[in-house]
Amino acid sequence: MARLIFLVVAIALVYWLLRRFRRPPSETQNSSQTEDMVSCAYCGLNLPKSEAVSSGNNYYCCEAHRRESKPE
């Protein structure tokens, strides 16, 4: 009887593992959640476009770099 229970548990475990690894990738890796990256025109730092400070066609990592690169 113990062998039968062990065999059923082993088959259930193998079945569960196979289903888990054959599952399609989760939706958290969806491409709609990605964001464009831009490079700071002053120092070259790469950062998400939503966090960048824009001025004309250029993007900056902070307000200080935007002011430094602007001709006065």
N, C-alpha and C. Protein backbone atom coordinates (compact mmCIF):
# COMPACT_ATOMS: atom_id res chain seq x y z
N MET A 1 0.82 -1.20 0.00
CA MET A 1 0.00 0.00 0.00
C MET A 1 0.87 1.26 0.00
N ALA A 2 1.98 1.24 0.73
CA ALA A 2 2.87 2.39 0.79
C ALA A 2 3.48 2.67 -0.59
N ARG A 3 3.80 1.61 -1.34
CA ARG A 3 4.35 1.79 -2.69
C ARG A 3 3.32 2.45 -3.61
N LEU A 4 2.09 2.08 -3.48
CA LEU A 4 1.04 2.66 -4.31
C LEU A 4 0.87 4.15 -4.02
N ILE A 5 0.86 4.51 -2.75
CA ILE A 5 0.75 5.93 -2.37
C ILE A 5 1.97 6.69 -2.87
N PHE A 6 3.15 6.14 -2.70
CA PHE A 6 4.37 6.77 -3.18
C PHE A 6 4.32 6.97 -4.69
N LEU A 7 3.85 5.96 -5.43
CA LEU A 7 3.76 6.04 -6.89
C LEU A 7 2.78 7.12 -7.32
N VAL A 8 1.64 7.22 -6.66
CA VAL A 8 0.65 8.24 -7.00
C VAL A 8 1.20 9.63 -6.71
N VAL A 9 1.87 9.81 -5.59
CA VAL A 9 2.46 11.11 -5.24
C VAL A 9 3.56 11.47 -6.24
N ALA A 10 4.38 10.51 -6.62
CA ALA A 10 5.46 10.77 -7.58
C ALA A 10 4.90 11.16 -8.94
N ILE A 11 3.86 10.49 -9.40
CA ILE A 11 3.24 10.82 -10.69
C ILE A 11 2.62 12.21 -10.63
N ALA A 12 1.95 12.53 -9.52
CA ALA A 12 1.34 13.85 -9.37
C ALA A 12 2.40 14.94 -9.36
N LEU A 13 3.52 14.69 -8.71
CA LEU A 13 4.61 15.67 -8.66
C LEU A 13 5.20 15.91 -10.05
N VAL A 14 5.44 14.85 -10.80
CA VAL A 14 5.98 14.98 -12.15
C VAL A 14 4.99 15.73 -13.04
N TYR A 15 3.71 15.41 -12.94
CA TYR A 15 2.67 16.09 -13.71
C TYR A 15 2.64 17.59 -13.39
N TRP A 16 2.70 17.92 -12.11
CA TRP A 16 2.68 19.32 -11.68
C TRP A 16 3.91 20.07 -12.20
N LEU A 17 5.10 19.45 -12.14
CA LEU A 17 6.32 20.10 -12.61
C LEU A 17 6.27 20.33 -14.13
N LEU A 18 5.78 19.34 -14.87
CA LEU A 18 5.69 19.50 -16.32
C LEU A 18 4.72 20.62 -16.70
N ARG A 19 3.60 20.70 -16.02
CA ARG A 19 2.64 21.78 -16.31
C ARG A 19 3.22 23.15 -15.96
N ARG A 20 3.97 23.21 -14.90
CA ARG A 20 4.54 24.49 -14.47
C ARG A 20 5.56 25.02 -15.46
N PHE A 21 6.41 24.15 -15.98
CA PHE A 21 7.46 24.60 -16.90
C PHE A 21 6.98 24.77 -18.32
N ARG A 22 5.85 24.22 -18.67
CA ARG A 22 5.32 24.37 -20.02
C ARG A 22 4.36 25.55 -20.13
N ARG A 23 4.10 26.23 -19.05
CA ARG A 23 3.20 27.37 -19.02
C ARG A 23 3.79 28.51 -19.85
N PRO A 24 2.97 29.23 -20.63
CA PRO A 24 3.51 30.36 -21.41
C PRO A 24 4.03 31.46 -20.49
N PRO A 25 4.92 32.32 -21.00
CA PRO A 25 5.46 33.40 -20.17
C PRO A 25 4.33 34.28 -19.62
N SER A 26 4.55 34.79 -18.44
CA SER A 26 3.52 35.63 -17.81
C SER A 26 3.37 36.94 -18.56
N GLU A 27 2.26 37.60 -18.32
CA GLU A 27 1.97 38.84 -19.01
C GLU A 27 2.75 40.03 -18.46
N THR A 28 3.52 39.82 -17.39
CA THR A 28 4.31 40.92 -16.84
C THR A 28 5.45 41.30 -17.77
N GLN A 29 5.80 40.44 -18.72
CA GLN A 29 6.86 40.73 -19.67
C GLN A 29 6.29 41.27 -20.97
N ASN A 30 5.12 41.82 -20.91
CA ASN A 30 4.45 42.34 -22.10
C ASN A 30 5.20 43.56 -22.62
N SER A 31 5.31 43.67 -23.94
CA SER A 31 6.06 44.78 -24.53
C SER A 31 5.35 46.12 -24.35
N SER A 32 4.06 46.12 -24.00
CA SER A 32 3.35 47.38 -23.80
C SER A 32 3.80 48.07 -22.51
N GLN A 33 4.53 47.38 -21.66
CA GLN A 33 4.99 47.96 -20.41
C GLN A 33 6.41 48.49 -20.51
N THR A 34 7.01 48.41 -21.68
CA THR A 34 8.36 48.92 -21.84
C THR A 34 8.31 50.41 -22.15
N GLU A 35 9.43 51.07 -21.95
CA GLU A 35 9.49 52.51 -22.16
C GLU A 35 10.74 52.86 -22.94
N ASP A 36 10.66 53.88 -23.77
CA ASP A 36 11.81 54.31 -24.54
C ASP A 36 12.87 54.90 -23.62
N MET A 37 14.13 54.63 -23.96
CA MET A 37 15.25 55.18 -23.21
C MET A 37 15.86 56.30 -24.04
N VAL A 38 16.33 57.34 -23.37
CA VAL A 38 17.00 58.46 -24.02
C VAL A 38 18.35 58.69 -23.35
N SER A 39 19.20 59.38 -24.02
CA SER A 39 20.53 59.67 -23.50
C SER A 39 20.64 61.16 -23.20
N CYS A 40 21.25 61.48 -22.07
CA CYS A 40 21.45 62.88 -21.69
C CYS A 40 22.40 63.52 -22.68
N ALA A 41 22.01 64.68 -23.22
CA ALA A 41 22.84 65.37 -24.21
C ALA A 41 24.09 65.97 -23.57
N TYR A 42 24.13 66.07 -22.25
CA TYR A 42 25.27 66.66 -21.56
C TYR A 42 26.28 65.62 -21.10
N CYS A 43 25.80 64.59 -20.39
CA CYS A 43 26.73 63.61 -19.82
C CYS A 43 26.62 62.22 -20.43
N GLY A 44 25.59 61.96 -21.23
CA GLY A 44 25.45 60.68 -21.89
C GLY A 44 24.75 59.61 -21.08
N LEU A 45 24.24 59.93 -19.90
CA LEU A 45 23.54 58.97 -19.06
C LEU A 45 22.26 58.51 -19.76
N ASN A 46 21.99 57.20 -19.75
CA ASN A 46 20.75 56.67 -20.31
C ASN A 46 19.70 56.60 -19.22
N LEU A 47 18.48 57.06 -19.53
CA LEU A 47 17.40 57.05 -18.56
C LEU A 47 16.07 56.95 -19.28
N PRO A 48 15.00 56.52 -18.58
CA PRO A 48 13.68 56.44 -19.21
C PRO A 48 13.22 57.82 -19.67
N LYS A 49 12.53 57.86 -20.79
CA LYS A 49 12.08 59.12 -21.36
C LYS A 49 11.17 59.89 -20.40
N SER A 50 10.38 59.17 -19.60
CA SER A 50 9.46 59.85 -18.67
C SER A 50 10.19 60.56 -17.54
N GLU A 51 11.44 60.16 -17.25
CA GLU A 51 12.21 60.79 -16.17
C GLU A 51 13.14 61.87 -16.68
N ALA A 52 13.26 62.02 -17.99
CA ALA A 52 14.20 62.96 -18.58
C ALA A 52 13.60 64.36 -18.65
N VAL A 53 14.48 65.36 -18.64
CA VAL A 53 14.10 66.75 -18.81
C VAL A 53 14.34 67.07 -20.28
N SER A 54 13.31 67.50 -20.99
CA SER A 54 13.48 67.76 -22.42
C SER A 54 13.58 69.25 -22.70
N SER A 55 14.35 69.55 -23.72
CA SER A 55 14.51 70.92 -24.17
C SER A 55 14.73 70.86 -25.67
N GLY A 56 13.70 71.21 -26.44
CA GLY A 56 13.79 71.08 -27.89
C GLY A 56 13.85 69.62 -28.27
N ASN A 57 14.87 69.27 -29.03
CA ASN A 57 15.06 67.87 -29.44
C ASN A 57 16.01 67.12 -28.52
N ASN A 58 16.51 67.75 -27.49
CA ASN A 58 17.47 67.12 -26.58
C ASN A 58 16.81 66.72 -25.27
N TYR A 59 17.40 65.69 -24.65
CA TYR A 59 16.95 65.22 -23.35
C TYR A 59 18.12 65.29 -22.38
N TYR A 60 17.79 65.59 -21.12
CA TYR A 60 18.81 65.72 -20.08
C TYR A 60 18.40 64.92 -18.86
N CYS A 61 19.39 64.50 -18.07
CA CYS A 61 19.09 63.70 -16.88
C CYS A 61 18.62 64.57 -15.72
N CYS A 62 18.95 65.85 -15.73
CA CYS A 62 18.51 66.75 -14.66
C CYS A 62 18.45 68.18 -15.18
N GLU A 63 17.83 69.01 -14.41
CA GLU A 63 17.68 70.42 -14.80
C GLU A 63 19.02 71.14 -14.87
N ALA A 64 19.95 70.77 -14.00
CA ALA A 64 21.27 71.41 -13.99
C ALA A 64 22.01 71.16 -15.31
N HIS A 65 21.92 69.96 -15.84
CA HIS A 65 22.58 69.66 -17.11
C HIS A 65 21.91 70.38 -18.26
N ARG A 66 20.59 70.57 -18.18
CA ARG A 66 19.90 71.33 -19.22
C ARG A 66 20.38 72.78 -19.22
N ARG A 67 20.52 73.36 -18.02
CA ARG A 67 20.98 74.75 -17.92
C ARG A 67 22.45 74.88 -18.37
N GLU A 68 23.28 73.91 -18.03
CA GLU A 68 24.72 73.97 -18.39
C GLU A 68 24.94 73.94 -19.90
N SER A 69 24.12 73.20 -20.61
CA SER A 69 24.36 73.04 -22.03
C SER A 69 23.67 74.11 -22.87
N LYS A 70 22.83 74.91 -22.26
CA LYS A 70 22.13 75.96 -22.98
C LYS A 70 23.03 77.18 -23.17
N PRO A 71 23.22 77.61 -24.42
CA PRO A 71 24.02 78.83 -24.63
C PRO A 71 23.27 80.05 -24.14
N GLU A 72 23.95 80.91 -23.45
CA GLU A 72 23.31 82.11 -22.87
C GLU A 72 23.72 83.33 -23.63
